[in-house]
Amino acid sequence: PELLEEMYDERVLIKNKMIQHKKELESTSKEDVMTRKKLEYAITAENNNQMAKKIALNSCYGAIGNQYFRYFNRDIAEGITTAGQLSIKWVEKAVNEYMNKLLETDEDYVIAIDTDSIYVTFDALVSKVNPKNPVDFLDTIAKEKLEPMINESYEELASYMNAYDNRMHMGREVIADKAIWTAKKRYILNVHDQEGVRYKTPRLKLMGIETAKSSTPMWCRKKLEQGIKVVMNETEHDVWEFITNAKNEFSKLPIEEISFPRGCQNVKKYSNPASIYNKGTPIHVRGSLLYNNYLSKYNIDKKYPVITNGEKVKFCYLKMPNVINENVISFVNALPKEFELEPYIDYETQFNKSFLEPLGV
């Protein structure tokens, strides 16, 4: 516990330093390029440092549930999990009761909870008070009302559970005016203030969305982030206009830029000498086996790299019928021209799966 406490305290210091540098960056003019670069470098280094400590702390708790860990104890592992569940549900109940008492209602104001966070809607409170600056108002409410109430509630929980020491505290993270949830741990927030860093223009916080996934083509990741901003801030007409323009641009891109990146595993496992691949082969592995087969068939396996286990590949959909009579092909860096598959690239399916589906259209 002493080691974990020391690491946690170090992380808090580093994170506070990072937040201070973020505030300085927001107040530094764009013309002051050198200062901005220094601050951006410091923020990146501090973020990496605090994330490393966070992962180390989390991995310690996770390791307790691993039978090969020196201090493995299933009871303690289950205790950590259930204590976390109790703690977040306890504060959800406390915040709902507080908001209902304040507004004389009977509603659920906590609209979502996560492992260590709650998402609260203050729409009714802001509408009732009608403050001049809603962000400043909510910042004050969080600091002066909610945080003390939550910490007091956790003191009650610690007493109720006869805890050795109350380590549960909550601080306000973001203030957002718009949010979209697509599923558990998948959301978009239009953030005005993050941990005290006030943005001149709102920024998107994305969790579990395809723009943050390495399995989404890079062009699509960048375009999706632009598209989400349009969805959050513009009209429906603007959204459809953006999609039309994106589709036109997408259809002119080389196949290497729009294919899905994947890590290729179990190539030999799914290989079949008679039919090239076995039934149930993952699509990117199937494309890889087809690629290897046609490299050999066209005698170009010295010109292009053969796909093996652990290889980073890209795969794309093909229109049927085509010269290989398959709906997918994978490749490493570039699709061999000898395959003569360029006319059969299914841009429509690629666009739907890599852009429209993640955008929720």
Protein backbone atom coordinates (compact mmCIF):
# COMPACT_ATOMS: atom_id res chain seq x y z
CA PRO A 1 0.00 0.00 0.00
CA GLU A 2 2.83 2.46 0.74
CA LEU A 3 4.32 1.96 -2.72
CA LEU A 4 0.92 2.43 -4.40
CA GLU A 5 0.21 5.53 -2.32
CA GLU A 6 3.59 7.01 -3.24
CA MET A 7 2.99 6.30 -6.94
CA TYR A 8 -0.52 7.77 -6.76
CA ASP A 9 0.75 10.96 -5.08
CA GLU A 10 3.46 11.28 -7.75
CA ARG A 11 0.84 10.94 -10.47
CA VAL A 12 -1.29 13.68 -8.88
CA LEU A 13 1.70 16.07 -8.85
CA ILE A 14 2.56 15.32 -12.49
CA LYS A 15 -1.06 15.68 -13.61
CA ASN A 16 -1.43 19.03 -11.80
CA LYS A 17 1.72 20.22 -13.55
CA MET A 18 0.28 19.10 -16.90
CA ILE A 19 -3.00 20.94 -16.24
CA GLN A 20 -1.08 24.11 -15.38
CA HIS A 21 0.85 23.86 -18.66
CA LYS A 22 -2.42 23.32 -20.54
CA LYS A 23 -3.80 26.53 -19.02
CA GLU A 24 -0.65 28.39 -20.08
CA LEU A 25 -0.98 26.97 -23.60
CA GLU A 26 -4.57 28.19 -23.89
CA SER A 27 -3.51 31.73 -22.92
CA THR A 28 -0.45 31.79 -25.24
CA SER A 29 -1.00 33.48 -28.60
CA LYS A 30 -0.61 31.44 -31.80
CA GLU A 31 2.11 33.86 -32.96
CA ASP A 32 4.37 32.77 -30.08
CA VAL A 33 5.33 29.53 -31.81
CA MET A 34 8.39 28.67 -29.69
CA THR A 35 6.56 29.00 -26.37
CA ARG A 36 3.64 26.94 -27.67
CA LYS A 37 5.99 24.18 -28.88
CA LYS A 38 7.76 24.04 -25.51
CA LEU A 39 4.43 23.83 -23.69
CA GLU A 40 3.10 21.17 -26.07
CA TYR A 41 6.27 19.12 -25.57
CA ALA A 42 5.99 19.44 -21.77
CA ILE A 43 2.28 18.48 -21.84
CA THR A 44 3.00 15.39 -23.97
CA ALA A 45 5.84 14.27 -21.68
CA GLU A 46 3.77 14.84 -18.52
CA ASN A 47 0.75 13.08 -19.99
CA ASN A 48 2.87 10.05 -20.93
CA ASN A 49 4.38 10.03 -17.44
CA GLN A 50 1.07 10.22 -15.57
CA MET A 51 -0.51 7.64 -17.90
CA ALA A 52 2.39 5.24 -17.26
CA LYS A 53 1.82 5.57 -13.51
CA LYS A 54 -1.94 5.14 -13.97
CA ILE A 55 -1.43 1.93 -15.97
CA ALA A 56 1.08 0.64 -13.41
CA LEU A 57 -1.39 1.30 -10.57
CA ASN A 58 -4.26 -0.36 -12.44
CA SER A 59 -2.11 -3.33 -13.42
CA CYS A 60 -1.24 -3.93 -9.78
CA TYR A 61 -4.91 -4.20 -8.87
CA GLY A 62 -5.50 -6.44 -11.88
CA ALA A 63 -2.50 -8.64 -11.06
CA ILE A 64 -4.01 -9.54 -7.69
CA GLY A 65 -6.58 -11.56 -9.65
CA ASN A 66 -3.88 -13.39 -11.64
CA GLN A 67 -3.05 -16.81 -10.22
CA TYR A 68 0.62 -16.46 -11.23
CA PHE A 69 1.10 -13.20 -9.32
CA ARG A 70 3.08 -13.44 -6.07
CA TYR A 71 0.33 -11.75 -4.07
CA PHE A 72 -2.59 -13.43 -5.84
CA ASN A 73 -5.74 -13.39 -3.72
CA ARG A 74 -9.13 -13.93 -5.34
CA ASP A 75 -11.02 -12.53 -2.34
CA ILE A 76 -9.06 -9.27 -2.45
CA ALA A 77 -9.52 -9.04 -6.24
CA GLU A 78 -13.28 -9.50 -5.90
CA GLY A 79 -13.28 -7.04 -3.01
CA ILE A 80 -11.63 -4.36 -5.16
CA THR A 81 -14.18 -4.90 -7.95
CA THR A 82 -17.26 -4.90 -5.71
CA ALA A 83 -15.96 -1.95 -3.65
CA GLY A 84 -15.59 0.03 -6.87
CA GLN A 85 -19.12 -0.87 -7.97
CA LEU A 86 -20.55 0.07 -4.57
CA SER A 87 -18.64 3.37 -4.50
CA ILE A 88 -19.86 4.60 -7.88
CA LYS A 89 -23.48 3.50 -7.28
CA TRP A 90 -23.38 5.16 -3.86
CA VAL A 91 -22.36 8.52 -5.32
CA GLU A 92 -24.92 8.15 -8.14
CA LYS A 93 -27.66 7.81 -5.53
CA ALA A 94 -26.29 10.74 -3.49
CA VAL A 95 -26.12 13.11 -6.49
CA ASN A 96 -29.62 12.18 -7.69
CA GLU A 97 -31.03 12.81 -4.19
CA TYR A 98 -29.20 16.15 -3.96
CA MET A 99 -30.40 17.36 -7.37
CA ASN A 100 -33.99 16.26 -6.76
CA LYS A 101 -34.04 18.05 -3.40
CA LEU A 102 -32.55 21.18 -4.97
CA LEU A 103 -34.98 21.28 -7.91
CA GLU A 104 -37.97 19.70 -6.09
CA THR A 105 -38.28 16.95 -8.70
CA ASP A 106 -38.16 13.17 -8.93
CA GLU A 107 -35.81 12.57 -11.87
CA ASP A 108 -32.56 10.79 -12.71
CA TYR A 109 -29.93 13.50 -13.18
CA VAL A 110 -27.03 11.05 -13.38
CA ILE A 111 -27.45 9.92 -16.99
CA ALA A 112 -24.45 7.54 -17.09
CA ILE A 113 -21.83 6.03 -14.81
CA ASP A 114 -18.43 4.50 -15.51
CA THR A 115 -15.88 2.69 -13.36
CA ASP A 116 -14.82 5.86 -11.58
CA SER A 117 -16.98 8.65 -13.01
CA ILE A 118 -20.54 9.91 -13.26
CA TYR A 119 -22.16 12.06 -15.95
CA VAL A 120 -24.71 14.53 -14.62
CA THR A 121 -27.16 16.68 -16.58
CA PHE A 122 -27.61 20.22 -15.22
CA ASP A 123 -29.97 21.33 -17.98
CA ALA A 124 -32.89 21.87 -15.58
CA LEU A 125 -30.72 23.80 -13.11
CA VAL A 126 -29.22 26.05 -15.79
CA SER A 127 -32.69 26.71 -17.26
CA LYS A 128 -34.04 27.60 -13.81
CA VAL A 129 -31.19 29.94 -12.81
CA ASN A 130 -30.43 31.23 -16.33
CA PRO A 131 -26.86 32.37 -15.53
CA LYS A 132 -25.00 34.83 -17.73
CA ASN A 133 -22.14 32.36 -18.20
CA PRO A 134 -23.32 28.74 -17.76
CA VAL A 135 -19.76 27.34 -17.79
CA ASP A 136 -18.63 29.62 -14.93
CA PHE A 137 -21.85 28.85 -13.08
CA LEU A 138 -21.41 25.07 -13.36
CA ASP A 139 -17.74 25.35 -12.41
CA THR A 140 -18.75 27.16 -9.21
CA ILE A 141 -21.58 24.70 -8.47
CA ALA A 142 -19.17 21.77 -8.86
CA LYS A 143 -16.48 23.27 -6.61
CA GLU A 144 -18.64 24.78 -3.89
CA LYS A 145 -21.64 22.44 -3.75
CA LEU A 146 -21.25 19.08 -5.49
CA GLU A 147 -17.66 18.17 -4.62
CA PRO A 148 -18.09 18.84 -0.86
CA MET A 149 -21.41 16.95 -0.90
CA ILE A 150 -19.83 13.96 -2.68
CA ASN A 151 -16.84 13.87 -0.33
CA GLU A 152 -19.17 14.04 2.67
CA SER A 153 -21.19 11.19 1.16
CA TYR A 154 -18.03 9.10 0.80
CA GLU A 155 -17.17 9.76 4.45
CA GLU A 156 -20.57 8.29 5.32
CA LEU A 157 -19.82 5.25 3.13
CA ALA A 158 -16.42 4.77 4.79
CA SER A 159 -18.05 4.88 8.22
CA TYR A 160 -20.83 2.53 7.09
CA MET A 161 -18.31 0.01 5.70
CA ASN A 162 -15.93 0.45 8.67
CA ALA A 163 -13.13 1.37 6.24
CA TYR A 164 -9.56 1.67 7.50
CA ASP A 165 -9.17 4.96 5.64
CA ASN A 166 -11.41 6.89 3.24
CA ARG A 167 -9.52 7.20 -0.05
CA MET A 168 -12.59 8.05 -2.14
CA HIS A 169 -12.72 11.61 -3.47
CA MET A 170 -14.20 13.10 -6.63
CA GLY A 171 -13.34 16.21 -8.59
CA ARG A 172 -15.05 17.81 -11.55
CA GLU A 173 -13.52 16.75 -14.86
CA VAL A 174 -15.36 18.30 -17.83
CA ILE A 175 -18.15 20.78 -18.51
CA ALA A 176 -19.87 20.03 -21.82
CA ASP A 177 -22.96 21.51 -23.45
CA LYS A 178 -23.64 18.56 -25.77
CA ALA A 179 -23.07 14.81 -25.53
CA ILE A 180 -23.85 11.73 -27.58
CA TRP A 181 -23.72 8.16 -26.24
CA THR A 182 -23.69 5.36 -28.81
CA ALA A 183 -23.09 2.52 -26.30
CA LYS A 184 -21.38 1.76 -23.00
CA LYS A 185 -17.95 3.47 -22.89
CA ARG A 186 -18.62 5.00 -26.33
CA TYR A 187 -19.44 8.69 -26.27
CA ILE A 188 -18.69 12.17 -27.61
CA LEU A 189 -18.60 15.28 -25.42
CA ASN A 190 -18.45 18.89 -26.64
CA VAL A 191 -16.14 20.18 -23.90
CA HIS A 192 -15.82 23.83 -22.81
CA ASP A 193 -13.69 23.23 -19.71
CA GLN A 194 -11.57 20.22 -18.76
CA GLU A 195 -10.19 20.02 -15.23
CA GLY A 196 -9.97 23.80 -15.01
CA VAL A 197 -8.53 24.31 -18.51
CA ARG A 198 -10.97 26.69 -20.22
CA TYR A 199 -11.07 26.36 -24.00
CA LYS A 200 -11.61 29.38 -26.23
CA THR A 201 -13.57 27.15 -28.59
CA PRO A 202 -15.17 23.84 -27.48
CA ARG A 203 -13.18 20.65 -28.07
CA LEU A 204 -14.43 17.14 -28.63
CA LYS A 205 -13.69 14.43 -26.11
CA LEU A 206 -14.05 11.05 -27.82
CA MET A 207 -14.21 7.73 -26.00
CA GLY A 208 -14.44 4.41 -27.86
CA ILE A 209 -15.30 6.17 -31.12
CA GLU A 210 -13.68 5.04 -34.41
CA THR A 211 -11.61 8.24 -34.71
CA ALA A 212 -9.51 6.92 -31.83
CA LYS A 213 -9.21 3.35 -33.16
CA SER A 214 -6.09 2.21 -35.00
CA SER A 215 -8.28 -0.25 -36.95
CA THR A 216 -9.93 2.68 -38.79
CA PRO A 217 -8.14 4.03 -41.91
CA MET A 218 -6.20 7.23 -41.11
CA TRP A 219 -8.08 9.33 -43.68
CA CYS A 220 -11.39 8.22 -42.18
CA ARG A 221 -10.22 8.95 -38.63
CA LYS A 222 -9.43 12.56 -39.51
CA LYS A 223 -12.60 12.97 -41.57
CA LEU A 224 -14.77 11.37 -38.86
CA GLU A 225 -13.52 13.88 -36.31
CA GLN A 226 -14.47 16.70 -38.68
CA GLY A 227 -17.84 15.01 -39.29
CA ILE A 228 -18.55 14.70 -35.56
CA LYS A 229 -17.92 18.45 -35.17
CA VAL A 230 -20.45 19.10 -37.94
CA VAL A 231 -22.98 16.75 -36.28
CA MET A 232 -22.50 18.49 -32.91
CA ASN A 233 -22.59 22.09 -34.11
CA GLU A 234 -24.30 22.37 -37.51
CA THR A 235 -27.66 21.60 -39.15
CA GLU A 236 -28.82 18.33 -40.75
CA HIS A 237 -28.37 19.89 -44.19
CA ASP A 238 -24.73 20.67 -43.34
CA VAL A 239 -24.21 17.06 -42.21
CA TRP A 240 -25.49 15.61 -45.50
CA GLU A 241 -23.47 18.11 -47.51
CA PHE A 242 -20.35 17.12 -45.56
CA ILE A 243 -21.03 13.40 -46.18
CA THR A 244 -21.53 13.97 -49.94
CA ASN A 245 -18.25 15.89 -50.20
CA ALA A 246 -16.45 13.26 -48.12
CA LYS A 247 -17.74 10.46 -50.37
CA ASN A 248 -16.57 12.26 -53.50
CA GLU A 249 -13.12 12.77 -51.97
CA PHE A 250 -13.02 9.15 -50.72
CA SER A 251 -13.75 7.71 -54.18
CA LYS A 252 -10.62 9.40 -55.60
CA LEU A 253 -8.20 8.12 -52.94
CA PRO A 254 -5.71 5.29 -53.60
CA ILE A 255 -6.68 1.94 -52.10
CA GLU A 256 -3.73 2.04 -49.66
CA GLU A 257 -5.27 5.07 -47.89
CA ILE A 258 -8.77 3.66 -47.41
CA SER A 259 -8.08 0.02 -46.53
CA PHE A 260 -8.59 -1.29 -42.99
CA PRO A 261 -5.37 -1.81 -41.00
CA ARG A 262 -5.18 -5.02 -38.96
CA GLY A 263 -2.69 -7.25 -37.18
CA CYS A 264 -2.59 -10.67 -38.84
CA GLN A 265 -2.43 -13.74 -36.59
CA ASN A 266 -2.87 -17.51 -37.05
CA VAL A 267 -2.11 -17.47 -40.78
CA LYS A 268 -1.00 -21.13 -40.77
CA LYS A 269 -3.92 -22.18 -38.56
CA TYR A 270 -6.50 -20.98 -41.09
CA SER A 271 -4.54 -22.10 -44.17
CA ASN A 272 -5.92 -24.95 -46.29
CA PRO A 273 -3.92 -26.47 -49.20
CA ALA A 274 -7.08 -27.43 -51.09
CA SER A 275 -9.33 -24.37 -50.61
CA ILE A 276 -6.67 -21.74 -49.63
CA TYR A 277 -8.50 -20.95 -46.34
CA ASN A 278 -10.71 -22.78 -43.85
CA LYS A 279 -14.34 -22.00 -43.06
CA GLY A 280 -14.68 -19.29 -40.38
CA THR A 281 -11.40 -17.58 -41.25
CA PRO A 282 -11.40 -13.88 -40.15
CA ILE A 283 -11.82 -11.63 -43.17
CA HIS A 284 -8.38 -9.97 -42.99
CA VAL A 285 -6.66 -13.37 -42.59
CA ARG A 286 -8.69 -14.73 -45.52
CA GLY A 287 -7.52 -11.77 -47.60
CA SER A 288 -3.94 -12.45 -46.48
CA LEU A 289 -4.08 -16.12 -47.51
CA LEU A 290 -5.51 -15.12 -50.89
CA TYR A 291 -2.74 -12.54 -51.28
CA ASN A 292 -0.05 -15.16 -50.51
CA ASN A 293 -1.66 -17.63 -52.90
CA TYR A 294 -1.69 -15.19 -55.83
CA LEU A 295 1.86 -14.02 -55.11
CA SER A 296 2.91 -17.64 -55.62
CA LYS A 297 0.59 -18.15 -58.61
CA TYR A 298 1.95 -15.08 -60.45
CA ASN A 299 5.52 -15.90 -59.32
CA ILE A 300 6.01 -12.48 -57.69
CA ASP A 301 6.66 -13.63 -54.11
CA LYS A 302 10.23 -12.27 -54.38
CA LYS A 303 8.97 -8.85 -55.46
CA TYR A 304 6.34 -8.44 -52.71
CA PRO A 305 6.55 -9.54 -49.04
CA VAL A 306 4.68 -12.71 -48.05
CA ILE A 307 2.25 -12.21 -45.13
CA THR A 308 3.25 -14.17 -42.01
CA ASN A 309 2.06 -14.28 -38.39
CA GLY A 310 2.25 -10.90 -36.65
CA GLU A 311 2.36 -8.94 -39.91
CA LYS A 312 0.59 -5.58 -40.09
CA VAL A 313 -1.71 -5.74 -43.11
CA LYS A 314 -4.47 -3.77 -44.79
CA PHE A 315 -7.57 -5.31 -46.32
CA CYS A 316 -10.27 -4.02 -48.64
CA TYR A 317 -13.55 -5.26 -50.06
CA LEU A 318 -13.92 -6.23 -53.71
CA LYS A 319 -16.91 -6.09 -56.05
CA MET A 320 -18.16 -9.42 -57.31
CA PRO A 321 -17.62 -11.05 -59.75
CA ASN A 322 -13.90 -10.39 -60.23
CA VAL A 323 -10.75 -12.13 -61.46
CA ILE A 324 -10.12 -13.97 -58.16
CA ASN A 325 -13.83 -14.58 -57.42
CA GLU A 326 -13.47 -13.38 -53.80
CA ASN A 327 -14.89 -10.32 -52.00
CA VAL A 328 -11.70 -9.36 -50.12
CA ILE A 329 -7.96 -8.98 -50.56
CA SER A 330 -5.22 -8.04 -48.09
CA PHE A 331 -1.74 -6.63 -48.71
CA VAL A 332 1.23 -5.28 -46.76
CA ASN A 333 2.30 -1.92 -48.20
CA ALA A 334 0.76 -1.81 -51.66
CA LEU A 335 -1.68 -3.92 -53.64
CA PRO A 336 0.30 -5.71 -56.41
CA LYS A 337 -0.69 -4.37 -59.82
CA GLU A 338 -0.16 -7.88 -61.21
CA PHE A 339 -3.40 -8.93 -59.45
CA GLU A 340 -5.33 -6.52 -61.73
CA LEU A 341 -7.87 -5.86 -58.96
CA GLU A 342 -8.00 -2.03 -59.06
CA PRO A 343 -11.22 -1.92 -61.15
CA TYR A 344 -12.93 -4.19 -58.60
CA ILE A 345 -12.22 -2.19 -55.43
CA ASP A 346 -15.60 -1.77 -53.69
CA TYR A 347 -15.40 1.90 -52.71
CA GLU A 348 -19.09 1.91 -51.76
CA THR A 349 -18.73 -0.83 -49.13
CA GLN A 350 -15.43 0.63 -47.92
CA PHE A 351 -17.05 4.04 -47.40
CA ASN A 352 -20.09 2.58 -45.66
CA LYS A 353 -18.07 0.48 -43.23
CA SER A 354 -15.23 2.90 -42.53
CA PHE A 355 -17.16 6.20 -42.49
CA LEU A 356 -20.96 6.04 -42.52
CA GLU A 357 -21.38 3.26 -39.93
CA PRO A 358 -18.99 4.86 -37.38
CA LEU A 359 -20.70 8.23 -37.96
CA GLY A 360 -24.03 6.56 -37.19
CA VAL A 361 -25.69 7.42 -40.51
